[in-house]
Amino acid sequence: MDISAIRTRLMLLLSAMVLVLCFADPARADEVVDLELVLAIDASDSVDAGEYRLQLQGTAAGFRDPAVIQAIGSGPAGRIAVAIVLWADPTKPVRASDWSILASARDAESFARQIEAIPRSVGGGTGIGAAVAEAVRMIETNNISALRRVVDVSGDGLETTARDEGILVVSRARAMARRRGVTVNGLAILSDLPGLNLWYAANVTAGPGSFVISARDFHDFERAMRTKLLREISPPIARFQ
C-alpha cells in the first residue's frame, strides 16, 4: 500500500473516532478536541527567577509560532485543549491553570499571554511524580474528550522525593499515567546534569510514542519547547507526509 493510501485511511479513521467521541455519550456533553495537553513546568528551588521567566517566555513563544498554530488546527476536530502546572516540592500544593481551548492564532496568543503572566510559586524540592499525578487527574476530570492525552514534563533535575515519605514518586505516577492511557513526554534541561535526558527517558516518559527532547540550558528552552510542541500537537497523519 502506498503512502497516499495510508494517509487517507488514517484520516478516515481519525475522523470516525472523533465522531464517536462526539456522539457516544450525549449526557456527558464533553468538548471534543484532538489533544489534551498539560505542560508541567519546573518551579523548584533549582530554578532561579531568570530561569523561571525563560521557561514561561519559551513556552509562550512556542504557542505563537506559525507552524505550531498551523498544527493546532490540522487535526479532525481542529482544536486542542491545554493547561499549565507549576510543580516543585510534592509537599506543597501544585499551581494549575484552567483549561484553554485553542483553535486559532487568536486563541494561541491569548494562551501565550496567560503563560507569561503566571507568577512564581511553589519552590522546594523536585517532585516530578506528584506533578505527573496532578496532571493526569486534571485530564481525567476536565469534561474534555480527545484521542490523544499528553503530559509534557520539563525540568532541570532528578526526582528528590524519598520513597518512605508516603508521597507519590515518579515510578508510581508513570504507572498511573499508563493505566489511564496518558502519554508522558519529557523536556530535559541539561544545565546542571548533562545526562538528565537519559534519566528522563528511563524514569519519566510513559506510553506509546513517548519521547524526550533536550535543551542545552534555559536559553535553549524556547527552541526545545517549539520542537516538542510540534511533535505533540501534529496529528499522526502529518508524520507520514
Protein backbone atom coordinates (compact mmCIF):
# COMPACT_ATOMS: atom_id res chain seq x y z
CA MET A 1 0.00 0.00 0.00
CA ASP A 2 1.45 3.42 -0.93
CA ILE A 3 1.87 6.36 1.45
CA SER A 4 -1.09 8.25 -0.06
CA ALA A 5 -3.44 5.36 0.69
CA ILE A 6 -2.08 5.08 4.24
CA ARG A 7 -2.67 8.80 4.82
CA THR A 8 -6.22 8.55 3.50
CA ARG A 9 -7.06 5.58 5.72
CA LEU A 10 -5.58 7.23 8.78
CA MET A 11 -7.56 10.42 8.22
CA LEU A 12 -10.78 8.48 7.78
CA LEU A 13 -10.07 6.52 10.95
CA LEU A 14 -9.32 9.66 12.96
CA SER A 15 -12.45 11.38 11.66
CA ALA A 16 -14.58 8.37 12.55
CA MET A 17 -13.14 8.24 16.07
CA VAL A 18 -13.83 11.94 16.58
CA LEU A 19 -17.46 11.34 15.59
CA VAL A 20 -17.65 8.52 18.10
CA LEU A 21 -16.38 10.84 20.81
CA CYS A 22 -18.97 13.43 19.84
CA PHE A 23 -22.00 11.17 19.92
CA ALA A 24 -21.21 8.09 22.01
CA ASP A 25 -22.41 9.61 25.31
CA PRO A 26 -24.61 12.72 24.78
CA ALA A 27 -25.27 13.03 28.53
CA ARG A 28 -21.63 13.93 29.19
CA ALA A 29 -21.53 16.65 26.50
CA ASP A 30 -17.75 16.74 26.66
CA GLU A 31 -15.93 19.19 24.41
CA VAL A 32 -14.14 17.21 21.70
CA VAL A 33 -10.58 18.16 20.78
CA ASP A 34 -7.68 16.46 19.02
CA LEU A 35 -5.32 16.64 22.00
CA GLU A 36 -5.42 17.26 25.76
CA LEU A 37 -2.01 18.61 26.78
CA VAL A 38 -0.76 19.54 30.25
CA LEU A 39 2.52 21.45 30.34
CA ALA A 40 4.19 20.72 33.70
CA ILE A 41 6.86 23.39 34.31
CA ASP A 42 9.65 23.20 36.90
CA ALA A 43 9.33 25.81 39.67
CA SER A 44 11.63 24.11 42.21
CA ASP A 45 14.44 25.86 44.06
CA SER A 46 17.00 24.74 41.47
CA VAL A 47 15.34 27.19 39.04
CA ASP A 48 16.14 30.85 39.74
CA ALA A 49 13.88 33.78 38.84
CA GLY A 50 15.54 34.40 35.47
CA GLU A 51 15.40 30.73 34.51
CA TYR A 52 11.75 30.58 35.51
CA ARG A 53 10.98 33.50 33.20
CA LEU A 54 12.90 31.85 30.35
CA GLN A 55 10.67 28.79 30.72
CA LEU A 56 7.47 30.85 30.58
CA GLN A 57 8.71 33.02 27.72
CA GLY A 58 9.90 29.98 25.77
CA THR A 59 6.56 28.21 26.22
CA ALA A 60 4.62 31.32 25.20
CA ALA A 61 6.82 31.75 22.13
CA GLY A 62 6.09 28.15 21.17
CA PHE A 63 2.36 28.84 21.00
CA ARG A 64 2.96 31.98 18.94
CA ASP A 65 4.99 30.06 16.36
CA PRO A 66 3.18 29.89 12.97
CA ALA A 67 4.00 26.20 12.49
CA VAL A 68 2.58 25.34 15.93
CA ILE A 69 -0.56 27.37 15.22
CA GLN A 70 -0.98 25.51 11.93
CA ALA A 71 -0.57 22.18 13.73
CA ILE A 72 -3.25 23.15 16.27
CA GLY A 73 -5.86 23.42 13.53
CA SER A 74 -4.70 20.50 11.41
CA GLY A 75 -6.46 17.61 13.18
CA PRO A 76 -10.01 16.31 12.58
CA ALA A 77 -11.50 18.46 15.38
CA GLY A 78 -9.37 21.49 14.50
CA ARG A 79 -8.62 22.38 18.13
CA ILE A 80 -6.69 21.28 21.20
CA ALA A 81 -7.03 21.74 24.96
CA VAL A 82 -4.06 22.92 27.04
CA ALA A 83 -3.32 23.68 30.69
CA ILE A 84 -0.28 24.60 32.79
CA VAL A 85 1.00 23.03 36.02
CA LEU A 86 3.79 24.61 38.07
CA TRP A 87 5.47 21.91 40.12
CA ALA A 88 8.23 21.59 42.71
CA ASP A 89 8.13 20.19 46.24
CA PRO A 90 5.48 17.45 46.49
CA THR A 91 4.54 18.59 50.00
CA LYS A 92 3.30 21.91 48.62
CA PRO A 93 0.14 22.48 46.55
CA VAL A 94 0.63 22.32 42.78
CA ARG A 95 -0.32 25.54 40.99
CA ALA A 96 -2.53 24.73 38.00
CA SER A 97 -4.22 26.90 35.38
CA ASP A 98 -7.67 26.47 33.91
CA TRP A 99 -8.02 24.59 30.65
CA SER A 100 -7.92 26.63 27.43
CA ILE A 101 -9.32 25.51 24.07
CA LEU A 102 -7.11 26.63 21.17
CA ALA A 103 -8.46 26.68 17.62
CA SER A 104 -6.92 29.81 16.09
CA ALA A 105 -4.00 32.21 16.21
CA ARG A 106 -6.07 34.48 18.45
CA ASP A 107 -6.64 31.65 20.93
CA ALA A 108 -2.94 30.79 20.89
CA GLU A 109 -1.98 34.42 21.53
CA SER A 110 -4.41 34.65 24.44
CA PHE A 111 -2.95 31.49 25.97
CA ALA A 112 0.61 32.74 25.44
CA ARG A 113 -0.23 35.90 27.38
CA GLN A 114 -1.71 33.83 30.19
CA ILE A 115 1.51 31.84 30.39
CA GLU A 116 3.67 34.96 30.57
CA ALA A 117 1.55 36.32 33.43
CA ILE A 118 1.82 33.26 35.74
CA PRO A 119 3.52 34.41 38.97
CA ARG A 120 6.27 32.36 40.58
CA SER A 121 5.04 29.97 43.28
CA VAL A 122 5.73 26.55 44.82
CA GLY A 123 9.51 26.13 45.42
CA GLY A 124 11.36 23.43 47.32
CA GLY A 125 12.40 20.01 46.05
CA THR A 126 11.86 18.22 42.76
CA GLY A 127 8.60 16.28 42.97
CA ILE A 128 8.14 15.06 39.40
CA GLY A 129 5.87 12.19 40.45
CA ALA A 130 3.41 14.49 42.21
CA ALA A 131 3.39 16.76 39.14
CA VAL A 132 2.62 13.91 36.75
CA ALA A 133 -0.12 12.59 39.03
CA GLU A 134 -1.78 16.00 39.29
CA ALA A 135 -1.60 16.48 35.51
CA VAL A 136 -3.23 13.08 34.92
CA ARG A 137 -6.00 13.96 37.38
CA MET A 138 -6.59 17.22 35.52
CA ILE A 139 -7.00 15.31 32.28
CA GLU A 140 -9.35 12.78 33.87
CA THR A 141 -11.69 15.42 35.34
CA ASN A 142 -11.83 18.19 32.71
CA ASN A 143 -15.03 17.29 30.77
CA ILE A 144 -12.99 17.27 27.55
CA SER A 145 -12.56 14.29 25.22
CA ALA A 146 -9.59 13.60 22.96
CA LEU A 147 -7.97 10.65 21.23
CA ARG A 148 -4.54 11.79 22.46
CA ARG A 149 -3.82 12.79 26.06
CA VAL A 150 -0.33 14.01 26.94
CA VAL A 151 1.58 15.33 29.94
CA ASP A 152 4.67 17.35 29.00
CA VAL A 153 7.18 17.50 31.91
CA SER A 154 10.07 19.98 31.71
CA GLY A 155 12.76 20.33 34.35
CA ASP A 156 16.45 20.51 35.21
CA GLY A 157 16.85 17.85 37.90
CA LEU A 158 16.17 14.38 39.24
CA GLU A 159 13.25 13.36 41.43
CA THR A 160 14.19 14.12 45.07
CA THR A 161 11.22 12.56 46.87
CA ALA A 162 12.20 9.70 49.18
CA ARG A 163 10.15 6.54 48.87
CA ASP A 164 9.43 6.41 52.60
CA GLU A 165 7.76 9.82 52.74
CA GLY A 166 4.40 8.48 51.60
CA ILE A 167 4.36 10.82 48.59
CA LEU A 168 3.65 9.69 45.05
CA VAL A 169 7.06 9.14 43.41
CA VAL A 170 7.63 9.27 39.68
CA SER A 171 7.63 5.47 39.15
CA ARG A 172 4.12 5.19 40.59
CA ALA A 173 2.95 8.26 38.67
CA ARG A 174 4.19 6.73 35.39
CA ALA A 175 2.20 3.57 36.13
CA MET A 176 -0.85 5.71 36.88
CA ALA A 177 -0.48 7.50 33.53
CA ARG A 178 -0.14 4.21 31.63
CA ARG A 179 -3.27 2.76 33.26
CA ARG A 180 -5.28 5.79 32.18
CA GLY A 181 -3.91 5.93 28.62
CA VAL A 182 -1.97 9.15 29.16
CA THR A 183 1.39 9.64 27.43
CA VAL A 184 4.16 11.37 29.41
CA ASN A 185 6.89 13.17 27.46
CA GLY A 186 9.92 14.99 28.81
CA LEU A 187 11.90 18.14 28.14
CA ALA A 188 15.20 17.79 30.00
CA ILE A 189 17.21 20.97 30.65
CA LEU A 190 20.85 19.90 30.76
CA SER A 191 22.38 22.94 32.54
CA ASP A 192 23.38 21.06 35.70
CA LEU A 193 23.07 17.40 34.68
CA PRO A 194 24.30 16.62 31.13
CA GLY A 195 22.78 13.14 31.26
CA LEU A 196 19.36 14.22 32.52
CA ASN A 197 17.74 13.36 29.20
CA LEU A 198 18.72 9.71 29.71
CA TRP A 199 17.25 9.70 33.22
CA TYR A 200 14.02 11.24 31.88
CA ALA A 201 13.82 8.56 29.18
CA ALA A 202 14.28 5.78 31.73
CA ASN A 203 12.23 7.19 34.62
CA VAL A 204 9.73 9.85 33.46
CA THR A 205 8.39 9.07 29.98
CA ALA A 206 5.47 6.67 29.62
CA GLY A 207 3.08 5.41 26.96
CA PRO A 208 3.34 4.55 23.27
CA GLY A 209 5.40 7.01 21.26
CA SER A 210 6.65 8.89 24.32
CA PHE A 211 9.91 10.79 23.90
CA VAL A 212 12.40 13.23 25.44
CA ILE A 213 13.64 16.49 23.94
CA SER A 214 16.81 18.08 25.38
CA ALA A 215 17.57 21.76 25.94
CA ARG A 216 21.24 22.59 26.39
CA ASP A 217 20.34 25.22 29.01
CA PHE A 218 17.47 27.58 29.86
CA HIS A 219 18.37 29.86 26.95
CA ASP A 220 17.82 26.88 24.63
CA PHE A 221 14.45 26.12 26.22
CA GLU A 222 12.43 28.06 23.61
CA ARG A 223 13.86 26.03 20.70
CA ALA A 224 13.33 22.75 22.52
CA MET A 225 9.76 23.63 23.51
CA ARG A 226 8.84 24.58 19.93
CA THR A 227 10.23 21.27 18.66
CA LYS A 228 8.34 19.40 21.35
CA LEU A 229 5.03 21.17 20.77
CA LEU A 230 5.18 20.49 17.04
CA ARG A 231 5.75 16.80 17.67
CA GLU A 232 3.00 16.56 20.28
CA ILE A 233 0.35 18.67 18.55
CA SER A 234 0.76 17.50 14.95
CA PRO A 235 -1.78 14.77 14.20
CA PRO A 236 -0.33 11.32 13.48
CA ILE A 237 -1.19 11.57 9.77
CA ALA A 238 1.19 14.52 9.42
CA ARG A 239 4.11 12.28 10.36
CA PHE A 240 3.64 10.27 7.15
CA GLN A 241 3.93 13.34 4.93
